[in-house]
């Protein structure tokens, strides 16, 4: 699928421009049991978010919809494009238990750690 947008120059001429790809901002938190990743993805349809986990790498991508234009553009500064980001998270993640939620433009990923990577308390016996 050819993803091109139309850009209008300040002189009113229209030309095709390649679609931009943006690196979304993230917050990453770690607890004893999981990593939590929050990703800013404004303007995205949650059904179109693609999340892949392979070996120790988490990849996500999400297309955005084109903005409608009314009339002749005199100046265009807002960039419309797709989001893509890749993270190396190591081999301590249990891929079968990864969950994702999307609310108000923010994707939250919960990446549970495998049991072997979680801290364990060792009981001391008095004797």
C-alpha atoms as a PDB file:
ATOM      1  CA  UNK A   1       0.000   0.000   0.000  1.00  0.00           C
ATOM      2  CA  UNK A   2       1.435   3.345  -1.034  1.00  0.00           C
ATOM      3  CA  UNK A   3       1.178   5.776   1.868  1.00  0.00           C
ATOM      4  CA  UNK A   4       1.650   9.288   0.603  1.00  0.00           C
ATOM      5  CA  UNK A   5       0.099  12.541   1.671  1.00  0.00           C
ATOM      6  CA  UNK A   6      -0.418  15.799  -0.120  1.00  0.00           C
ATOM      7  CA  UNK A   7       1.523  18.821   1.122  1.00  0.00           C
ATOM      8  CA  UNK A   8       0.725  22.365   0.176  1.00  0.00           C
ATOM      9  CA  UNK A   9       3.550  24.828  -0.174  1.00  0.00           C
ATOM     10  CA  UNK A  10       3.129  28.430   0.893  1.00  0.00           C
ATOM     11  CA  UNK A  11       2.729  29.403  -2.775  1.00  0.00           C
ATOM     12  CA  UNK A  12      -0.384  27.183  -3.051  1.00  0.00           C
ATOM     13  CA  UNK A  13       1.191  24.398  -5.124  1.00  0.00           C
ATOM     14  CA  UNK A  14       0.424  20.853  -4.033  1.00  0.00           C
ATOM     15  CA  UNK A  15       2.973  18.044  -4.041  1.00  0.00           C
ATOM     16  CA  UNK A  16       3.130  14.473  -2.782  1.00  0.00           C
ATOM     17  CA  UNK A  17       5.271  13.867   0.263  1.00  0.00           C
ATOM     18  CA  UNK A  18       6.260  10.587   1.913  1.00  0.00           C
ATOM     19  CA  UNK A  19       4.346   9.718   5.063  1.00  0.00           C
ATOM     20  CA  UNK A  20       6.258  10.493   8.255  1.00  0.00           C
ATOM     21  CA  UNK A  21       7.082   7.941  10.940  1.00  0.00           C
ATOM     22  CA  UNK A  22       7.299   9.245  14.498  1.00  0.00           C
ATOM     23  CA  UNK A  23       8.980   7.784  17.573  1.00  0.00           C
ATOM     24  CA  UNK A  24       6.366   8.059  20.359  1.00  0.00           C
ATOM     25  CA  UNK A  25       7.268   9.230  23.863  1.00  0.00           C
ATOM     26  CA  UNK A  26       7.250   6.535  26.545  1.00  0.00           C
ATOM     27  CA  UNK A  27       7.464   6.062  30.301  1.00  0.00           C
ATOM     28  CA  UNK A  28       8.886   2.767  31.573  1.00  0.00           C
ATOM     29  CA  UNK A  29       8.398   1.528  35.131  1.00  0.00           C
ATOM     30  CA  UNK A  30       9.691  -1.600  36.844  1.00  0.00           C
ATOM     31  CA  UNK A  31       8.264  -3.430  39.829  1.00  0.00           C
ATOM     32  CA  UNK A  32       9.260  -6.781  41.320  1.00  0.00           C
ATOM     33  CA  UNK A  33       6.724  -8.581  39.108  1.00  0.00           C
ATOM     34  CA  UNK A  34       6.525  -6.641  35.822  1.00  0.00           C
ATOM     35  CA  UNK A  35       7.614  -3.851  33.526  1.00  0.00           C
ATOM     36  CA  UNK A  36       4.946  -1.273  32.694  1.00  0.00           C
ATOM     37  CA  UNK A  37       5.302   0.756  29.531  1.00  0.00           C
ATOM     38  CA  UNK A  38       3.135   3.797  28.767  1.00  0.00           C
ATOM     39  CA  UNK A  39       3.266   5.021  25.183  1.00  0.00           C
ATOM     40  CA  UNK A  40       1.754   8.270  23.846  1.00  0.00           C
ATOM     41  CA  UNK A  41      -0.199   7.399  20.681  1.00  0.00           C
ATOM     42  CA  UNK A  42      -2.689  10.228  20.067  1.00  0.00           C
ATOM     43  CA  UNK A  43      -5.048   9.897  17.115  1.00  0.00           C
ATOM     44  CA  UNK A  44      -4.660   6.135  16.802  1.00  0.00           C
ATOM     45  CA  UNK A  45      -7.444   3.590  16.360  1.00  0.00           C
ATOM     46  CA  UNK A  46      -6.679   0.904  18.993  1.00  0.00           C
ATOM     47  CA  UNK A  47      -7.721  -1.822  16.536  1.00  0.00           C
ATOM     48  CA  UNK A  48      -4.797  -0.804  14.302  1.00  0.00           C
ATOM     49  CA  UNK A  49      -2.051  -0.966  16.940  1.00  0.00           C
ATOM     50  CA  UNK A  50       0.402  -3.767  16.145  1.00  0.00           C
ATOM     51  CA  UNK A  51       2.442  -5.151  19.061  1.00  0.00           C
ATOM     52  CA  UNK A  52       4.991  -7.924  18.532  1.00  0.00           C
ATOM     53  CA  UNK A  53       7.267  -9.661  21.046  1.00  0.00           C
ATOM     54  CA  UNK A  54      10.039 -11.858  19.693  1.00  0.00           C
ATOM     55  CA  UNK A  55      12.981 -13.182  21.691  1.00  0.00           C
ATOM     56  CA  UNK A  56      13.910 -10.177  23.845  1.00  0.00           C
ATOM     57  CA  UNK A  57      12.496  -7.428  21.617  1.00  0.00           C
ATOM     58  CA  UNK A  58       9.153  -5.644  21.861  1.00  0.00           C
ATOM     59  CA  UNK A  59       8.034  -3.779  18.720  1.00  0.00           C
ATOM     60  CA  UNK A  60       4.992  -1.609  18.260  1.00  0.00           C
ATOM     61  CA  UNK A  61       3.570   0.324  15.350  1.00  0.00           C
ATOM     62  CA  UNK A  62       0.378   2.270  14.823  1.00  0.00           C
ATOM     63  CA  UNK A  63      -0.931   4.177  11.804  1.00  0.00           C
ATOM     64  CA  UNK A  64      -2.828   7.414  12.196  1.00  0.00           C
ATOM     65  CA  UNK A  65      -5.686   8.667  10.065  1.00  0.00           C
ATOM     66  CA  UNK A  66      -5.264  11.553   7.674  1.00  0.00           C
ATOM     67  CA  UNK A  67      -6.589  14.905   8.850  1.00  0.00           C
ATOM     68  CA  UNK A  68      -9.351  16.391   6.782  1.00  0.00           C
ATOM     69  CA  UNK A  69      -8.613  19.645   5.022  1.00  0.00           C
ATOM     70  CA  UNK A  70     -11.138  22.370   4.537  1.00  0.00           C
ATOM     71  CA  UNK A  71     -10.262  24.893   1.893  1.00  0.00           C
ATOM     72  CA  UNK A  72      -6.834  25.800   0.621  1.00  0.00           C
ATOM     73  CA  UNK A  73      -4.022  25.385   3.144  1.00  0.00           C
ATOM     74  CA  UNK A  74      -1.991  28.528   3.680  1.00  0.00           C
ATOM     75  CA  UNK A  75       0.431  26.907   6.106  1.00  0.00           C
ATOM     76  CA  UNK A  76       0.768  23.305   7.291  1.00  0.00           C
ATOM     77  CA  UNK A  77       2.983  22.590  10.301  1.00  0.00           C
ATOM     78  CA  UNK A  78       1.188  19.670  11.925  1.00  0.00           C
ATOM     79  CA  UNK A  79       2.807  16.458  10.790  1.00  0.00           C
ATOM     80  CA  UNK A  80       0.591  13.449  10.303  1.00  0.00           C
ATOM     81  CA  UNK A  81       2.257  10.084  10.254  1.00  0.00           C
ATOM     82  CA  UNK A  82       2.591   6.677  11.798  1.00  0.00           C
ATOM     83  CA  UNK A  83       4.204   5.674  15.081  1.00  0.00           C
ATOM     84  CA  UNK A  84       6.894   3.014  15.473  1.00  0.00           C
ATOM     85  CA  UNK A  85       9.142   2.030  18.370  1.00  0.00           C
ATOM     86  CA  UNK A  86      11.250  -0.987  19.356  1.00  0.00           C
ATOM     87  CA  UNK A  87      12.572  -1.957  22.798  1.00  0.00           C
ATOM     88  CA  UNK A  88      14.988  -4.612  23.997  1.00  0.00           C
ATOM     89  CA  UNK A  89      13.553  -5.869  27.271  1.00  0.00           C
ATOM     90  CA  UNK A  90      15.669  -8.934  27.928  1.00  0.00           C
ATOM     91  CA  UNK A  91      14.651 -12.531  28.460  1.00  0.00           C
ATOM     92  CA  UNK A  92      12.952 -11.978  31.823  1.00  0.00           C
ATOM     93  CA  UNK A  93       9.511 -11.261  30.279  1.00  0.00           C
ATOM     94  CA  UNK A  94       6.755 -13.887  30.023  1.00  0.00           C
ATOM     95  CA  UNK A  95       5.344 -13.211  26.515  1.00  0.00           C
ATOM     96  CA  UNK A  96       2.193 -15.291  27.093  1.00  0.00           C
ATOM     97  CA  UNK A  97       1.066 -12.918  29.860  1.00  0.00           C
ATOM     98  CA  UNK A  98       1.684  -9.540  28.161  1.00  0.00           C
ATOM     99  CA  UNK A  99      -1.437  -7.330  28.152  1.00  0.00           C
ATOM    100  CA  UNK A 100      -2.205  -3.986  26.509  1.00  0.00           C
ATOM    101  CA  UNK A 101      -4.819  -1.289  27.161  1.00  0.00           C
ATOM    102  CA  UNK A 102      -5.492   1.915  25.227  1.00  0.00           C
ATOM    103  CA  UNK A 103      -7.237   4.909  26.795  1.00  0.00           C
ATOM    104  CA  UNK A 104      -7.287   8.610  25.861  1.00  0.00           C
ATOM    105  CA  UNK A 105      -4.351   8.341  23.462  1.00  0.00           C
ATOM    106  CA  UNK A 106      -2.107   6.357  25.813  1.00  0.00           C
ATOM    107  CA  UNK A 107      -1.169   2.702  25.309  1.00  0.00           C
ATOM    108  CA  UNK A 108      -0.274   0.874  28.529  1.00  0.00           C
ATOM    109  CA  UNK A 109       1.607  -2.401  28.236  1.00  0.00           C
ATOM    110  CA  UNK A 110       2.066  -4.777  31.172  1.00  0.00           C
ATOM    111  CA  UNK A 111       5.025  -7.092  30.674  1.00  0.00           C
ATOM    112  CA  UNK A 112       5.048  -9.663  33.504  1.00  0.00           C
ATOM    113  CA  UNK A 113       8.390 -11.106  34.508  1.00  0.00           C
ATOM    114  CA  UNK A 114       8.984 -14.846  34.456  1.00  0.00           C
ATOM    115  CA  UNK A 115       8.960 -16.393  37.927  1.00  0.00           C
ATOM    116  CA  UNK A 116      12.720 -17.005  37.868  1.00  0.00           C
ATOM    117  CA  UNK A 117      13.338 -13.246  37.418  1.00  0.00           C
ATOM    118  CA  UNK A 118      11.165 -12.218  40.373  1.00  0.00           C
ATOM    119  CA  UNK A 119      12.706 -11.789  43.796  1.00  0.00           C
ATOM    120  CA  UNK A 120      12.061 -14.593  46.284  1.00  0.00           C
ATOM    121  CA  UNK A 121      12.068 -14.348  50.028  1.00  0.00           C
ATOM    122  CA  UNK A 122      14.049 -17.067  51.749  1.00  0.00           C
ATOM    123  CA  UNK A 123      12.643 -18.164  55.080  1.00  0.00           C
ATOM    124  CA  UNK A 124      15.116 -18.641  57.897  1.00  0.00           C
ATOM    125  CA  UNK A 125      14.457 -21.568  60.239  1.00  0.00           C
ATOM    126  CA  UNK A 126      15.423 -21.253  63.857  1.00  0.00           C
ATOM    127  CA  UNK A 127      16.948 -24.319  65.214  1.00  0.00           C
END
